[in-house]
């Protein structure tokens, strides 16, 4: 695929070598096929890299969208899009008969009517507008000192643990040495 020097016409070479181009009527009407293709490639890149319809909606509204870079060359140019604007997780191209059907219905002036998306509207009662702040529980003023005292008592009770473990280790070493002496005799 390539474009002419004016940047409005696209040329495509078919597999049999025949060269096709966008119609002259589009150029005379001021429709830039190259511009349309660039926008579509940008849309596909947004769908592929950001995969959230909100970014695509922002792009259509003319708002800024994070940079996505180039779409991968293997990305299908036309893919199914559901009524929420999302594409399939796997990059599946739309089949040629499906594309032909969509184009034919649009050219006939009878595109498929999409069902509107019902969005629930939240309703607030006037009484619910300002909820009361949650009650902060009152803490016992002596709680901190009780916690410190409990940790001090635990440290006192565990103070002999190191000496006890040292005794057990020494006994284990003596038993192991005795066992090795028995086996070596």
C-alpha atoms as a PDB file:
ATOM      1  CA  UNK A   1       0.000   0.000   0.000  1.00  0.00           C
ATOM      2  CA  UNK A   2       1.268   3.483  -0.813  1.00  0.00           C
ATOM      3  CA  UNK A   3      -0.156   6.963  -1.335  1.00  0.00           C
ATOM      4  CA  UNK A   4       0.144   9.552  -4.062  1.00  0.00           C
ATOM      5  CA  UNK A   5       2.071  12.789  -3.655  1.00  0.00           C
ATOM      6  CA  UNK A   6      -1.010  14.779  -2.662  1.00  0.00           C
ATOM      7  CA  UNK A   7      -1.461  12.438   0.306  1.00  0.00           C
ATOM      8  CA  UNK A   8      -5.169  11.901  -0.396  1.00  0.00           C
ATOM      9  CA  UNK A   9      -5.221   8.758  -2.532  1.00  0.00           C
ATOM     10  CA  UNK A  10      -4.215   5.234  -1.538  1.00  0.00           C
ATOM     11  CA  UNK A  11      -2.835   2.681  -3.983  1.00  0.00           C
ATOM     12  CA  UNK A  12      -2.973  -1.033  -3.230  1.00  0.00           C
ATOM     13  CA  UNK A  13      -1.356  -3.766  -5.306  1.00  0.00           C
ATOM     14  CA  UNK A  14      -3.366  -6.974  -5.364  1.00  0.00           C
ATOM     15  CA  UNK A  15      -1.740 -10.399  -5.286  1.00  0.00           C
ATOM     16  CA  UNK A  16      -2.233 -10.752  -9.038  1.00  0.00           C
ATOM     17  CA  UNK A  17      -0.259  -7.514  -9.596  1.00  0.00           C
ATOM     18  CA  UNK A  18      -3.226  -5.269 -10.428  1.00  0.00           C
ATOM     19  CA  UNK A  19      -2.971  -1.754  -8.950  1.00  0.00           C
ATOM     20  CA  UNK A  20      -6.104  -0.372  -7.304  1.00  0.00           C
ATOM     21  CA  UNK A  21      -6.619   3.159  -6.007  1.00  0.00           C
ATOM     22  CA  UNK A  22      -9.234   5.151  -4.170  1.00  0.00           C
ATOM     23  CA  UNK A  23     -11.803   6.710  -6.509  1.00  0.00           C
ATOM     24  CA  UNK A  24     -11.250  10.167  -8.020  1.00  0.00           C
ATOM     25  CA  UNK A  25     -14.627  11.254  -6.609  1.00  0.00           C
ATOM     26  CA  UNK A  26     -13.272  11.044  -3.050  1.00  0.00           C
ATOM     27  CA  UNK A  27     -10.333  13.279  -3.921  1.00  0.00           C
ATOM     28  CA  UNK A  28     -12.647  15.828  -5.611  1.00  0.00           C
ATOM     29  CA  UNK A  29     -14.898  15.847  -2.544  1.00  0.00           C
ATOM     30  CA  UNK A  30     -11.911  16.582  -0.310  1.00  0.00           C
ATOM     31  CA  UNK A  31     -11.917  13.186   1.378  1.00  0.00           C
ATOM     32  CA  UNK A  32      -8.409  12.044   2.193  1.00  0.00           C
ATOM     33  CA  UNK A  33      -8.188   8.266   2.163  1.00  0.00           C
ATOM     34  CA  UNK A  34      -4.670   8.549   3.603  1.00  0.00           C
ATOM     35  CA  UNK A  35      -5.959  10.663   6.503  1.00  0.00           C
ATOM     36  CA  UNK A  36      -8.748   8.185   7.142  1.00  0.00           C
ATOM     37  CA  UNK A  37      -6.235   5.333   7.119  1.00  0.00           C
ATOM     38  CA  UNK A  38      -3.935   7.184   9.555  1.00  0.00           C
ATOM     39  CA  UNK A  39      -6.830   7.831  11.939  1.00  0.00           C
ATOM     40  CA  UNK A  40      -7.950   4.214  11.712  1.00  0.00           C
ATOM     41  CA  UNK A  41      -4.441   2.911  12.408  1.00  0.00           C
ATOM     42  CA  UNK A  42      -4.313   5.255  15.449  1.00  0.00           C
ATOM     43  CA  UNK A  43      -7.698   3.896  16.604  1.00  0.00           C
ATOM     44  CA  UNK A  44      -6.465   0.307  16.237  1.00  0.00           C
ATOM     45  CA  UNK A  45      -3.310   1.188  18.154  1.00  0.00           C
ATOM     46  CA  UNK A  46      -5.398   2.668  20.993  1.00  0.00           C
ATOM     47  CA  UNK A  47      -7.623  -0.429  21.024  1.00  0.00           C
ATOM     48  CA  UNK A  48      -4.604  -2.724  21.083  1.00  0.00           C
ATOM     49  CA  UNK A  49      -2.342  -0.957  23.585  1.00  0.00           C
ATOM     50  CA  UNK A  50      -4.826   0.693  25.965  1.00  0.00           C
ATOM     51  CA  UNK A  51      -7.756  -1.750  25.571  1.00  0.00           C
ATOM     52  CA  UNK A  52     -10.201   0.488  27.415  1.00  0.00           C
ATOM     53  CA  UNK A  53     -13.093   2.068  25.492  1.00  0.00           C
ATOM     54  CA  UNK A  54     -12.771   5.246  27.592  1.00  0.00           C
ATOM     55  CA  UNK A  55      -9.468   6.075  25.891  1.00  0.00           C
ATOM     56  CA  UNK A  56     -11.055   5.574  22.488  1.00  0.00           C
ATOM     57  CA  UNK A  57     -14.005   7.796  23.448  1.00  0.00           C
ATOM     58  CA  UNK A  58     -11.542  10.470  24.611  1.00  0.00           C
ATOM     59  CA  UNK A  59      -9.752  10.226  21.238  1.00  0.00           C
ATOM     60  CA  UNK A  60     -13.072  10.720  19.391  1.00  0.00           C
ATOM     61  CA  UNK A  61     -13.888  13.745  21.562  1.00  0.00           C
ATOM     62  CA  UNK A  62     -10.505  15.253  20.645  1.00  0.00           C
ATOM     63  CA  UNK A  63      -9.088  14.907  24.163  1.00  0.00           C
ATOM     64  CA  UNK A  64      -5.527  13.862  24.836  1.00  0.00           C
ATOM     65  CA  UNK A  65      -4.804  10.139  24.893  1.00  0.00           C
ATOM     66  CA  UNK A  66      -1.595   8.498  26.184  1.00  0.00           C
ATOM     67  CA  UNK A  67       0.959   7.759  23.494  1.00  0.00           C
ATOM     68  CA  UNK A  68       0.617   4.250  22.116  1.00  0.00           C
ATOM     69  CA  UNK A  69       3.331   4.133  19.486  1.00  0.00           C
ATOM     70  CA  UNK A  70       2.886   2.169  16.300  1.00  0.00           C
ATOM     71  CA  UNK A  71       0.439  -0.709  16.172  1.00  0.00           C
ATOM     72  CA  UNK A  72       2.132  -4.049  15.493  1.00  0.00           C
ATOM     73  CA  UNK A  73       2.187  -4.932  11.778  1.00  0.00           C
ATOM     74  CA  UNK A  74       0.405  -8.217  12.543  1.00  0.00           C
ATOM     75  CA  UNK A  75      -2.587  -6.375  14.040  1.00  0.00           C
ATOM     76  CA  UNK A  76      -5.675  -6.889  11.847  1.00  0.00           C
ATOM     77  CA  UNK A  77      -6.889  -3.689  10.226  1.00  0.00           C
ATOM     78  CA  UNK A  78     -10.558  -4.561  10.775  1.00  0.00           C
ATOM     79  CA  UNK A  79     -11.753  -6.518  13.794  1.00  0.00           C
ATOM     80  CA  UNK A  80     -15.129  -7.103  15.464  1.00  0.00           C
ATOM     81  CA  UNK A  81     -16.149  -4.385  17.920  1.00  0.00           C
ATOM     82  CA  UNK A  82     -18.945  -4.982  20.402  1.00  0.00           C
ATOM     83  CA  UNK A  83     -21.571  -2.422  21.366  1.00  0.00           C
ATOM     84  CA  UNK A  84     -19.395  -1.120  24.209  1.00  0.00           C
ATOM     85  CA  UNK A  85     -16.501  -0.427  21.841  1.00  0.00           C
ATOM     86  CA  UNK A  86     -14.252  -3.271  22.919  1.00  0.00           C
ATOM     87  CA  UNK A  87     -12.446  -5.633  20.595  1.00  0.00           C
ATOM     88  CA  UNK A  88     -11.802  -9.342  21.184  1.00  0.00           C
ATOM     89  CA  UNK A  89      -8.955 -10.293  23.496  1.00  0.00           C
ATOM     90  CA  UNK A  90      -7.327 -12.243  20.678  1.00  0.00           C
ATOM     91  CA  UNK A  91      -6.666 -10.152  17.570  1.00  0.00           C
ATOM     92  CA  UNK A  92      -9.155 -11.823  15.248  1.00  0.00           C
ATOM     93  CA  UNK A  93      -9.734 -10.161  11.868  1.00  0.00           C
ATOM     94  CA  UNK A  94     -13.268  -9.546  10.681  1.00  0.00           C
ATOM     95  CA  UNK A  95     -14.075 -11.907   7.801  1.00  0.00           C
ATOM     96  CA  UNK A  96     -14.360 -10.607   4.237  1.00  0.00           C
ATOM     97  CA  UNK A  97     -18.096 -11.514   3.999  1.00  0.00           C
ATOM     98  CA  UNK A  98     -18.759  -9.620   7.243  1.00  0.00           C
ATOM     99  CA  UNK A  99     -16.927  -6.550   5.951  1.00  0.00           C
ATOM    100  CA  UNK A 100     -18.818  -6.747   2.655  1.00  0.00           C
ATOM    101  CA  UNK A 101     -22.152  -6.988   4.509  1.00  0.00           C
ATOM    102  CA  UNK A 102     -21.363  -3.993   6.743  1.00  0.00           C
ATOM    103  CA  UNK A 103     -20.221  -1.862   3.791  1.00  0.00           C
ATOM    104  CA  UNK A 104     -23.244  -2.883   1.693  1.00  0.00           C
ATOM    105  CA  UNK A 105     -25.733  -1.979   4.440  1.00  0.00           C
ATOM    106  CA  UNK A 106     -24.067   1.410   4.949  1.00  0.00           C
ATOM    107  CA  UNK A 107     -23.984   2.133   1.211  1.00  0.00           C
ATOM    108  CA  UNK A 108     -27.668   1.177   1.008  1.00  0.00           C
ATOM    109  CA  UNK A 109     -28.391   3.704   3.757  1.00  0.00           C
ATOM    110  CA  UNK A 110     -29.610   1.041   6.182  1.00  0.00           C
ATOM    111  CA  UNK A 111     -26.852   0.399   8.713  1.00  0.00           C
ATOM    112  CA  UNK A 112     -27.619  -1.913  11.580  1.00  0.00           C
ATOM    113  CA  UNK A 113     -29.267  -0.057  14.432  1.00  0.00           C
ATOM    114  CA  UNK A 114     -27.433  -0.716  17.661  1.00  0.00           C
ATOM    115  CA  UNK A 115     -29.285  -1.121  20.892  1.00  0.00           C
ATOM    116  CA  UNK A 116     -28.669   1.774  23.252  1.00  0.00           C
ATOM    117  CA  UNK A 117     -26.682   0.997  26.362  1.00  0.00           C
ATOM    118  CA  UNK A 118     -28.868   1.536  29.406  1.00  0.00           C
ATOM    119  CA  UNK A 119     -26.977   3.388  32.081  1.00  0.00           C
ATOM    120  CA  UNK A 120     -28.621   3.531  35.472  1.00  0.00           C
ATOM    121  CA  UNK A 121     -28.982   7.019  36.852  1.00  0.00           C
ATOM    122  CA  UNK A 122     -28.297   7.240  40.557  1.00  0.00           C
ATOM    123  CA  UNK A 123     -31.030   8.857  42.602  1.00  0.00           C
ATOM    124  CA  UNK A 124     -30.368  10.498  45.924  1.00  0.00           C
ATOM    125  CA  UNK A 125     -32.966  11.286  48.511  1.00  0.00           C
ATOM    126  CA  UNK A 126     -32.627  14.791  49.940  1.00  0.00           C
ATOM    127  CA  UNK A 127     -32.254  13.201  53.371  1.00  0.00           C
ATOM    128  CA  UNK A 128     -29.282  11.095  52.219  1.00  0.00           C
ATOM    129  CA  UNK A 129     -27.194  13.981  50.873  1.00  0.00           C
ATOM    130  CA  UNK A 130     -25.110  14.563  54.014  1.00  0.00           C
ATOM    131  CA  UNK A 131     -24.498  11.360  55.942  1.00  0.00           C
ATOM    132  CA  UNK A 132     -23.474  11.646  59.552  1.00  0.00           C
ATOM    133  CA  UNK A 133     -19.784  11.152  60.207  1.00  0.00           C
ATOM    134  CA  UNK A 134     -18.994   7.814  61.835  1.00  0.00           C
ATOM    135  CA  UNK A 135     -18.598   7.773  65.593  1.00  0.00           C
ATOM    136  CA  UNK A 136     -14.988   7.493  66.695  1.00  0.00           C
ATOM    137  CA  UNK A 137     -14.721   5.001  69.550  1.00  0.00           C
ATOM    138  CA  UNK A 138     -13.150   6.275  72.760  1.00  0.00           C
ATOM    139  CA  UNK A 139     -10.020   4.402  73.733  1.00  0.00           C
ATOM    140  CA  UNK A 140      -9.165   3.414  77.289  1.00  0.00           C
ATOM    141  CA  UNK A 141      -6.486   5.887  78.468  1.00  0.00           C
ATOM    142  CA  UNK A 142      -4.600   3.140  80.320  1.00  0.00           C
ATOM    143  CA  UNK A 143      -4.487   0.819  77.285  1.00  0.00           C
ATOM    144  CA  UNK A 144      -0.932   1.819  76.285  1.00  0.00           C
ATOM    145  CA  UNK A 145       0.518   1.331  79.772  1.00  0.00           C
ATOM    146  CA  UNK A 146      -1.265  -2.060  80.108  1.00  0.00           C
ATOM    147  CA  UNK A 147       0.259  -3.162  76.768  1.00  0.00           C
ATOM    148  CA  UNK A 148       3.775  -2.121  77.827  1.00  0.00           C
ATOM    149  CA  UNK A 149       3.364  -3.924  81.166  1.00  0.00           C
ATOM    150  CA  UNK A 150       2.208  -7.111  79.389  1.00  0.00           C
ATOM    151  CA  UNK A 151       5.244  -7.067  77.092  1.00  0.00           C
ATOM    152  CA  UNK A 152       7.557  -6.507  80.105  1.00  0.00           C
ATOM    153  CA  UNK A 153       6.045  -9.511  81.929  1.00  0.00           C
ATOM    154  CA  UNK A 154       6.451 -11.661  78.795  1.00  0.00           C
ATOM    155  CA  UNK A 155      10.103 -10.611  78.490  1.00  0.00           C
ATOM    156  CA  UNK A 156      10.676 -11.512  82.159  1.00  0.00           C
ATOM    157  CA  UNK A 157       9.113 -14.981  81.703  1.00  0.00           C
ATOM    158  CA  UNK A 158      11.135 -15.633  78.522  1.00  0.00           C
ATOM    159  CA  UNK A 159      14.445 -14.360  79.903  1.00  0.00           C
ATOM    160  CA  UNK A 160      15.656 -17.898  80.720  1.00  0.00           C
ATOM    161  CA  UNK A 161      14.829 -19.362  77.316  1.00  0.00           C
ATOM    162  CA  UNK A 162      18.307 -18.728  75.848  1.00  0.00           C
ATOM    163  CA  UNK A 163      20.027 -20.525  78.750  1.00  0.00           C
ATOM    164  CA  UNK A 164      17.598 -23.450  78.481  1.00  0.00           C
ATOM    165  CA  UNK A 165      18.220 -23.775  74.721  1.00  0.00           C
ATOM    166  CA  UNK A 166      21.988 -23.657  75.308  1.00  0.00           C
ATOM    167  CA  UNK A 167      21.648 -26.538  77.821  1.00  0.00           C
ATOM    168  CA  UNK A 168      19.599 -28.588  75.355  1.00  0.00           C
ATOM    169  CA  UNK A 169      22.168 -27.988  72.608  1.00  0.00           C
ATOM    170  CA  UNK A 170      25.026 -29.058  74.905  1.00  0.00           C
ATOM    171  CA  UNK A 171      23.151 -32.272  75.861  1.00  0.00           C
ATOM    172  CA  UNK A 172      22.445 -33.005  72.183  1.00  0.00           C
ATOM    173  CA  UNK A 173      26.151 -32.552  71.365  1.00  0.00           C
ATOM    174  CA  UNK A 174      27.147 -34.971  74.216  1.00  0.00           C
ATOM    175  CA  UNK A 175      24.601 -37.581  73.046  1.00  0.00           C
ATOM    176  CA  UNK A 176      25.847 -37.296  69.455  1.00  0.00           C
ATOM    177  CA  UNK A 177      29.476 -37.662  70.565  1.00  0.00           C
ATOM    178  CA  UNK A 178      28.589 -40.753  72.639  1.00  0.00           C
ATOM    179  CA  UNK A 179      26.751 -42.260  69.663  1.00  0.00           C
ATOM    180  CA  UNK A 180      29.712 -41.676  67.358  1.00  0.00           C
ATOM    181  CA  UNK A 181      32.028 -43.341  69.914  1.00  0.00           C
ATOM    182  CA  UNK A 182      29.758 -46.392  70.055  1.00  0.00           C
ATOM    183  CA  UNK A 183      29.645 -46.685  66.274  1.00  0.00           C
ATOM    184  CA  UNK A 184      33.391 -46.314  65.849  1.00  0.00           C
ATOM    185  CA  UNK A 185      34.237 -49.122  68.285  1.00  0.00           C
END
